[in-house]
Amino acid sequence: MASQRALNPPKGECTQCWYHAYASKEAHKGLGPREDCPACVDHMNNGHGNMIVGG
């Protein structure tokens, strides 16, 4: 289960980036050791959209 830190990004941070950084094992479950995460690749190519925590 993801930690409270992983589920509660601070203002100005992207919810997906934060979750994938602090709950990496859960976010990337099922991927091989050298396999890129499709969600991360898409996010890097297409930006954060409306996933930045506002204030």
PDB file of N, CA and C in Angstrom:
ATOM      1  N   MET A   1       0.835  -1.178   0.000  1.00  0.00           N
ATOM      2  CA  MET A   1       0.000   0.000   0.000  1.00  0.00           C
ATOM      3  C   MET A   1       0.886   1.250   0.000  1.00  0.00           C
ATOM      4  N   ALA A   2       0.494   2.225  -0.783  1.00  0.00           N
ATOM      5  CA  ALA A   2       1.268   3.459  -0.898  1.00  0.00           C
ATOM      6  C   ALA A   2       1.229   4.242   0.414  1.00  0.00           C
ATOM      7  N   SER A   3       2.321   4.916   0.703  1.00  0.00           N
ATOM      8  CA  SER A   3       2.407   5.713   1.923  1.00  0.00           C
ATOM      9  C   SER A   3       1.578   6.984   1.791  1.00  0.00           C
ATOM     10  N   GLN A   4       1.305   7.604   2.912  1.00  0.00           N
ATOM     11  CA  GLN A   4       0.584   8.875   2.906  1.00  0.00           C
ATOM     12  C   GLN A   4       1.370   9.930   2.134  1.00  0.00           C
ATOM     13  N   ARG A   5       2.690   9.873   2.232  1.00  0.00           N
ATOM     14  CA  ARG A   5       3.525  10.830   1.496  1.00  0.00           C
ATOM     15  C   ARG A   5       3.303  10.694  -0.009  1.00  0.00           C
ATOM     16  N   ALA A   6       3.237   9.453  -0.499  1.00  0.00           N
ATOM     17  CA  ALA A   6       3.045   9.211  -1.930  1.00  0.00           C
ATOM     18  C   ALA A   6       1.678   9.699  -2.410  1.00  0.00           C
ATOM     19  N   LEU A   7       0.700   9.651  -1.528  1.00  0.00           N
ATOM     20  CA  LEU A   7      -0.674  10.000  -1.911  1.00  0.00           C
ATOM     21  C   LEU A   7      -1.015  11.472  -1.701  1.00  0.00           C
ATOM     22  N   ASN A   8      -0.114  12.243  -1.105  1.00  0.00           N
ATOM     23  CA  ASN A   8      -0.397  13.644  -0.786  1.00  0.00           C
ATOM     24  C   ASN A   8       0.729  14.563  -1.240  1.00  0.00           C
ATOM     25  N   PRO A   9       0.817  14.829  -2.533  1.00  0.00           N
ATOM     26  CA  PRO A   9       1.881  15.727  -3.006  1.00  0.00           C
ATOM     27  C   PRO A   9       1.653  17.162  -2.542  1.00  0.00           C
ATOM     28  N   PRO A  10       2.718  17.888  -2.305  1.00  0.00           N
ATOM     29  CA  PRO A  10       2.587  19.296  -1.911  1.00  0.00           C
ATOM     30  C   PRO A  10       2.199  20.179  -3.101  1.00  0.00           C
ATOM     31  N   LYS A  11       1.797  21.397  -2.794  1.00  0.00           N
ATOM     32  CA  LYS A  11       1.453  22.357  -3.835  1.00  0.00           C
ATOM     33  C   LYS A  11       2.594  22.497  -4.827  1.00  0.00           C
ATOM     34  N   GLY A  12       2.233  22.614  -6.087  1.00  0.00           N
ATOM     35  CA  GLY A  12       3.218  22.822  -7.131  1.00  0.00           C
ATOM     36  C   GLY A  12       3.807  21.546  -7.707  1.00  0.00           C
ATOM     37  N   GLU A  13       3.470  20.389  -7.123  1.00  0.00           N
ATOM     38  CA  GLU A  13       3.979  19.113  -7.608  1.00  0.00           C
ATOM     39  C   GLU A  13       2.919  18.392  -8.433  1.00  0.00           C
ATOM     40  N   CYS A  14       3.362  17.553  -9.328  1.00  0.00           N
ATOM     41  CA  CYS A  14       2.475  16.748 -10.171  1.00  0.00           C
ATOM     42  C   CYS A  14       2.077  15.489  -9.392  1.00  0.00           C
ATOM     43  N   THR A  15       0.794  15.184  -9.357  1.00  0.00           N
ATOM     44  CA  THR A  15       0.324  14.024  -8.607  1.00  0.00           C
ATOM     45  C   THR A  15       0.911  12.723  -9.152  1.00  0.00           C
ATOM     46  N   GLN A  16       0.999  12.584 -10.463  1.00  0.00           N
ATOM     47  CA  GLN A  16       1.543  11.348 -11.037  1.00  0.00           C
ATOM     48  C   GLN A  16       3.034  11.222 -10.774  1.00  0.00           C
ATOM     49  N   CYS A  17       3.789  12.269 -11.021  1.00  0.00           N
ATOM     50  CA  CYS A  17       5.237  12.220 -10.785  1.00  0.00           C
ATOM     51  C   CYS A  17       5.522  11.914  -9.312  1.00  0.00           C
ATOM     52  N   TRP A  18       4.789  12.572  -8.426  1.00  0.00           N
ATOM     53  CA  TRP A  18       4.980  12.382  -7.000  1.00  0.00           C
ATOM     54  C   TRP A  18       4.685  10.942  -6.610  1.00  0.00           C
ATOM     55  N   TYR A  19       3.558  10.404  -7.067  1.00  0.00           N
ATOM     56  CA  TYR A  19       3.184   9.029  -6.748  1.00  0.00           C
ATOM     57  C   TYR A  19       4.214   8.040  -7.286  1.00  0.00           C
ATOM     58  N   HIS A  20       4.621   8.234  -8.528  1.00  0.00           N
ATOM     59  CA  HIS A  20       5.578   7.317  -9.140  1.00  0.00           C
ATOM     60  C   HIS A  20       6.943   7.403  -8.465  1.00  0.00           C
ATOM     61  N   ALA A  21       7.285   8.538  -7.886  1.00  0.00           N
ATOM     62  CA  ALA A  21       8.560   8.684  -7.174  1.00  0.00           C
ATOM     63  C   ALA A  21       8.507   8.056  -5.783  1.00  0.00           C
ATOM     64  N   TYR A  22       7.392   8.243  -5.067  1.00  0.00           N
ATOM     65  CA  TYR A  22       7.316   7.798  -3.682  1.00  0.00           C
ATOM     66  C   TYR A  22       6.588   6.473  -3.482  1.00  0.00           C
ATOM     67  N   ALA A  23       5.980   5.941  -4.519  1.00  0.00           N
ATOM     68  CA  ALA A  23       5.354   4.612  -4.459  1.00  0.00           C
ATOM     69  C   ALA A  23       5.751   3.853  -5.717  1.00  0.00           C
ATOM     70  N   SER A  24       7.022   3.920  -6.022  1.00  0.00           N
ATOM     71  CA  SER A  24       7.524   3.375  -7.272  1.00  0.00           C
ATOM     72  C   SER A  24       7.189   1.900  -7.468  1.00  0.00           C
ATOM     73  N   LYS A  25       7.319   1.109  -6.425  1.00  0.00           N
ATOM     74  CA  LYS A  25       7.041  -0.322  -6.564  1.00  0.00           C
ATOM     75  C   LYS A  25       5.581  -0.571  -6.931  1.00  0.00           C
ATOM     76  N   GLU A  26       4.654   0.152  -6.311  1.00  0.00           N
ATOM     77  CA  GLU A  26       3.243   0.003  -6.635  1.00  0.00           C
ATOM     78  C   GLU A  26       2.936   0.547  -8.025  1.00  0.00           C
ATOM     79  N   ALA A  27       3.500   1.700  -8.344  1.00  0.00           N
ATOM     80  CA  ALA A  27       3.223   2.352  -9.628  1.00  0.00           C
ATOM     81  C   ALA A  27       3.769   1.553 -10.805  1.00  0.00           C
ATOM     82  N   HIS A  28       4.870   0.875 -10.585  1.00  0.00           N
ATOM     83  CA  HIS A  28       5.533   0.167 -11.674  1.00  0.00           C
ATOM     84  C   HIS A  28       5.440  -1.354 -11.538  1.00  0.00           C
ATOM     85  N   LYS A  29       4.483  -1.797 -10.752  1.00  0.00           N
ATOM     86  CA  LYS A  29       4.279  -3.232 -10.539  1.00  0.00           C
ATOM     87  C   LYS A  29       4.015  -3.926 -11.871  1.00  0.00           C
ATOM     88  N   GLY A  30       4.665  -5.026 -12.079  1.00  0.00           N
ATOM     89  CA  GLY A  30       4.454  -5.799 -13.295  1.00  0.00           C
ATOM     90  C   GLY A  30       5.416  -5.467 -14.426  1.00  0.00           C
ATOM     91  N   LEU A  31       6.198  -4.409 -14.268  1.00  0.00           N
ATOM     92  CA  LEU A  31       7.180  -4.054 -15.292  1.00  0.00           C
ATOM     93  C   LEU A  31       8.479  -4.795 -15.026  1.00  0.00           C
ATOM     94  N   GLY A  32       9.191  -5.098 -16.082  1.00  0.00           N
ATOM     95  CA  GLY A  32      10.500  -5.728 -15.949  1.00  0.00           C
ATOM     96  C   GLY A  32      11.506  -4.742 -15.409  1.00  0.00           C
ATOM     97  N   PRO A  33      12.674  -5.222 -14.967  1.00  0.00           N
ATOM     98  CA  PRO A  33      13.672  -4.348 -14.352  1.00  0.00           C
ATOM     99  C   PRO A  33      14.192  -3.244 -15.281  1.00  0.00           C
ATOM    100  N   ARG A  34      14.171  -3.459 -16.566  1.00  0.00           N
ATOM    101  CA  ARG A  34      14.662  -2.439 -17.499  1.00  0.00           C
ATOM    102  C   ARG A  34      13.552  -1.956 -18.438  1.00  0.00           C
ATOM    103  N   GLU A  35      12.318  -2.230 -18.076  1.00  0.00           N
ATOM    104  CA  GLU A  35      11.181  -1.851 -18.911  1.00  0.00           C
ATOM    105  C   GLU A  35      10.680  -0.465 -18.511  1.00  0.00           C
ATOM    106  N   ASP A  36      10.489   0.400 -19.502  1.00  0.00           N
ATOM    107  CA  ASP A  36       9.965   1.740 -19.231  1.00  0.00           C
ATOM    108  C   ASP A  36       8.488   1.675 -18.888  1.00  0.00           C
ATOM    109  N   CYS A  37       8.085   2.518 -17.970  1.00  0.00           N
ATOM    110  CA  CYS A  37       6.685   2.614 -17.575  1.00  0.00           C
ATOM    111  C   CYS A  37       5.930   3.390 -18.664  1.00  0.00           C
ATOM    112  N   PRO A  38       4.927   2.799 -19.301  1.00  0.00           N
ATOM    113  CA  PRO A  38       4.188   3.501 -20.359  1.00  0.00           C
ATOM    114  C   PRO A  38       3.550   4.803 -19.869  1.00  0.00           C
ATOM    115  N   ALA A  39       3.036   4.804 -18.645  1.00  0.00           N
ATOM    116  CA  ALA A  39       2.425   6.026 -18.107  1.00  0.00           C
ATOM    117  C   ALA A  39       3.462   7.128 -17.925  1.00  0.00           C
ATOM    118  N   CYS A  40       4.659   6.763 -17.464  1.00  0.00           N
ATOM    119  CA  CYS A  40       5.727   7.754 -17.286  1.00  0.00           C
ATOM    120  C   CYS A  40       6.209   8.299 -18.633  1.00  0.00           C
ATOM    121  N   VAL A  41       6.380   7.417 -19.608  1.00  0.00           N
ATOM    122  CA  VAL A  41       6.825   7.841 -20.937  1.00  0.00           C
ATOM    123  C   VAL A  41       5.804   8.793 -21.548  1.00  0.00           C
ATOM    124  N   ASP A  42       4.531   8.447 -21.467  1.00  0.00           N
ATOM    125  CA  ASP A  42       3.477   9.312 -21.993  1.00  0.00           C
ATOM    126  C   ASP A  42       3.488  10.663 -21.284  1.00  0.00           C
ATOM    127  N   HIS A  43       3.653  10.623 -19.989  1.00  0.00           N
ATOM    128  CA  HIS A  43       3.661  11.841 -19.176  1.00  0.00           C
ATOM    129  C   HIS A  43       4.846  12.739 -19.548  1.00  0.00           C
ATOM    130  N   MET A  44       6.015  12.138 -19.767  1.00  0.00           N
ATOM    131  CA  MET A  44       7.193  12.919 -20.155  1.00  0.00           C
ATOM    132  C   MET A  44       6.999  13.542 -21.541  1.00  0.00           C
ATOM    133  N   ASN A  45       6.363  12.816 -22.441  1.00  0.00           N
ATOM    134  CA  ASN A  45       6.161  13.323 -23.804  1.00  0.00           C
ATOM    135  C   ASN A  45       5.047  14.349 -23.902  1.00  0.00           C
ATOM    136  N   ASN A  46       4.024  14.223 -23.058  1.00  0.00           N
ATOM    137  CA  ASN A  46       2.832  15.067 -23.187  1.00  0.00           C
ATOM    138  C   ASN A  46       2.631  16.056 -22.052  1.00  0.00           C
ATOM    139  N   GLY A  47       3.518  16.085 -21.089  1.00  0.00           N
ATOM    140  CA  GLY A  47       3.443  17.072 -20.018  1.00  0.00           C
ATOM    141  C   GLY A  47       2.527  16.658 -18.871  1.00  0.00           C
ATOM    142  N   HIS A  48       2.363  17.571 -17.942  1.00  0.00           N
ATOM    143  CA  HIS A  48       1.629  17.315 -16.707  1.00  0.00           C
ATOM    144  C   HIS A  48       0.123  17.560 -16.834  1.00  0.00           C
ATOM    145  N   GLY A  49      -0.287  18.271 -17.852  1.00  0.00           N
ATOM    146  CA  GLY A  49      -1.715  18.562 -17.998  1.00  0.00           C
ATOM    147  C   GLY A  49      -2.251  19.281 -16.764  1.00  0.00           C
ATOM    148  N   ASN A  50      -3.337  18.781 -16.233  1.00  0.00           N
ATOM    149  CA  ASN A  50      -3.938  19.417 -15.051  1.00  0.00           C
ATOM    150  C   ASN A  50      -3.612  18.643 -13.768  1.00  0.00           C
ATOM    151  N   MET A  51      -2.455  17.987 -13.732  1.00  0.00           N
ATOM    152  CA  MET A  51      -2.092  17.160 -12.586  1.00  0.00           C
ATOM    153  C   MET A  51      -1.251  17.890 -11.538  1.00  0.00           C
ATOM    154  N   ILE A  52      -0.970  19.166 -11.745  1.00  0.00           N
ATOM    155  CA  ILE A  52      -0.197  19.938 -10.766  1.00  0.00           C
ATOM    156  C   ILE A  52      -1.132  20.360  -9.637  1.00  0.00           C
ATOM    157  N   VAL A  53      -0.701  20.098  -8.401  1.00  0.00           N
ATOM    158  CA  VAL A  53      -1.506  20.450  -7.248  1.00  0.00           C
ATOM    159  C   VAL A  53      -1.517  21.963  -7.114  1.00  0.00           C
ATOM    160  N   GLY A  54      -2.709  22.525  -7.047  1.00  0.00           N
ATOM    161  CA  GLY A  54      -2.858  23.985  -6.936  1.00  0.00           C
ATOM    162  C   GLY A  54      -2.814  24.482  -5.512  1.00  0.00           C
ATOM    163  N   GLY A  55      -2.908  25.761  -5.400  1.00  0.00           N
ATOM    164  CA  GLY A  55      -2.830  26.340  -4.057  1.00  0.00           C
ATOM    165  C   GLY A  55      -3.982  27.055  -3.698  1.00  0.00           C
TER     166      GLY A  55
END
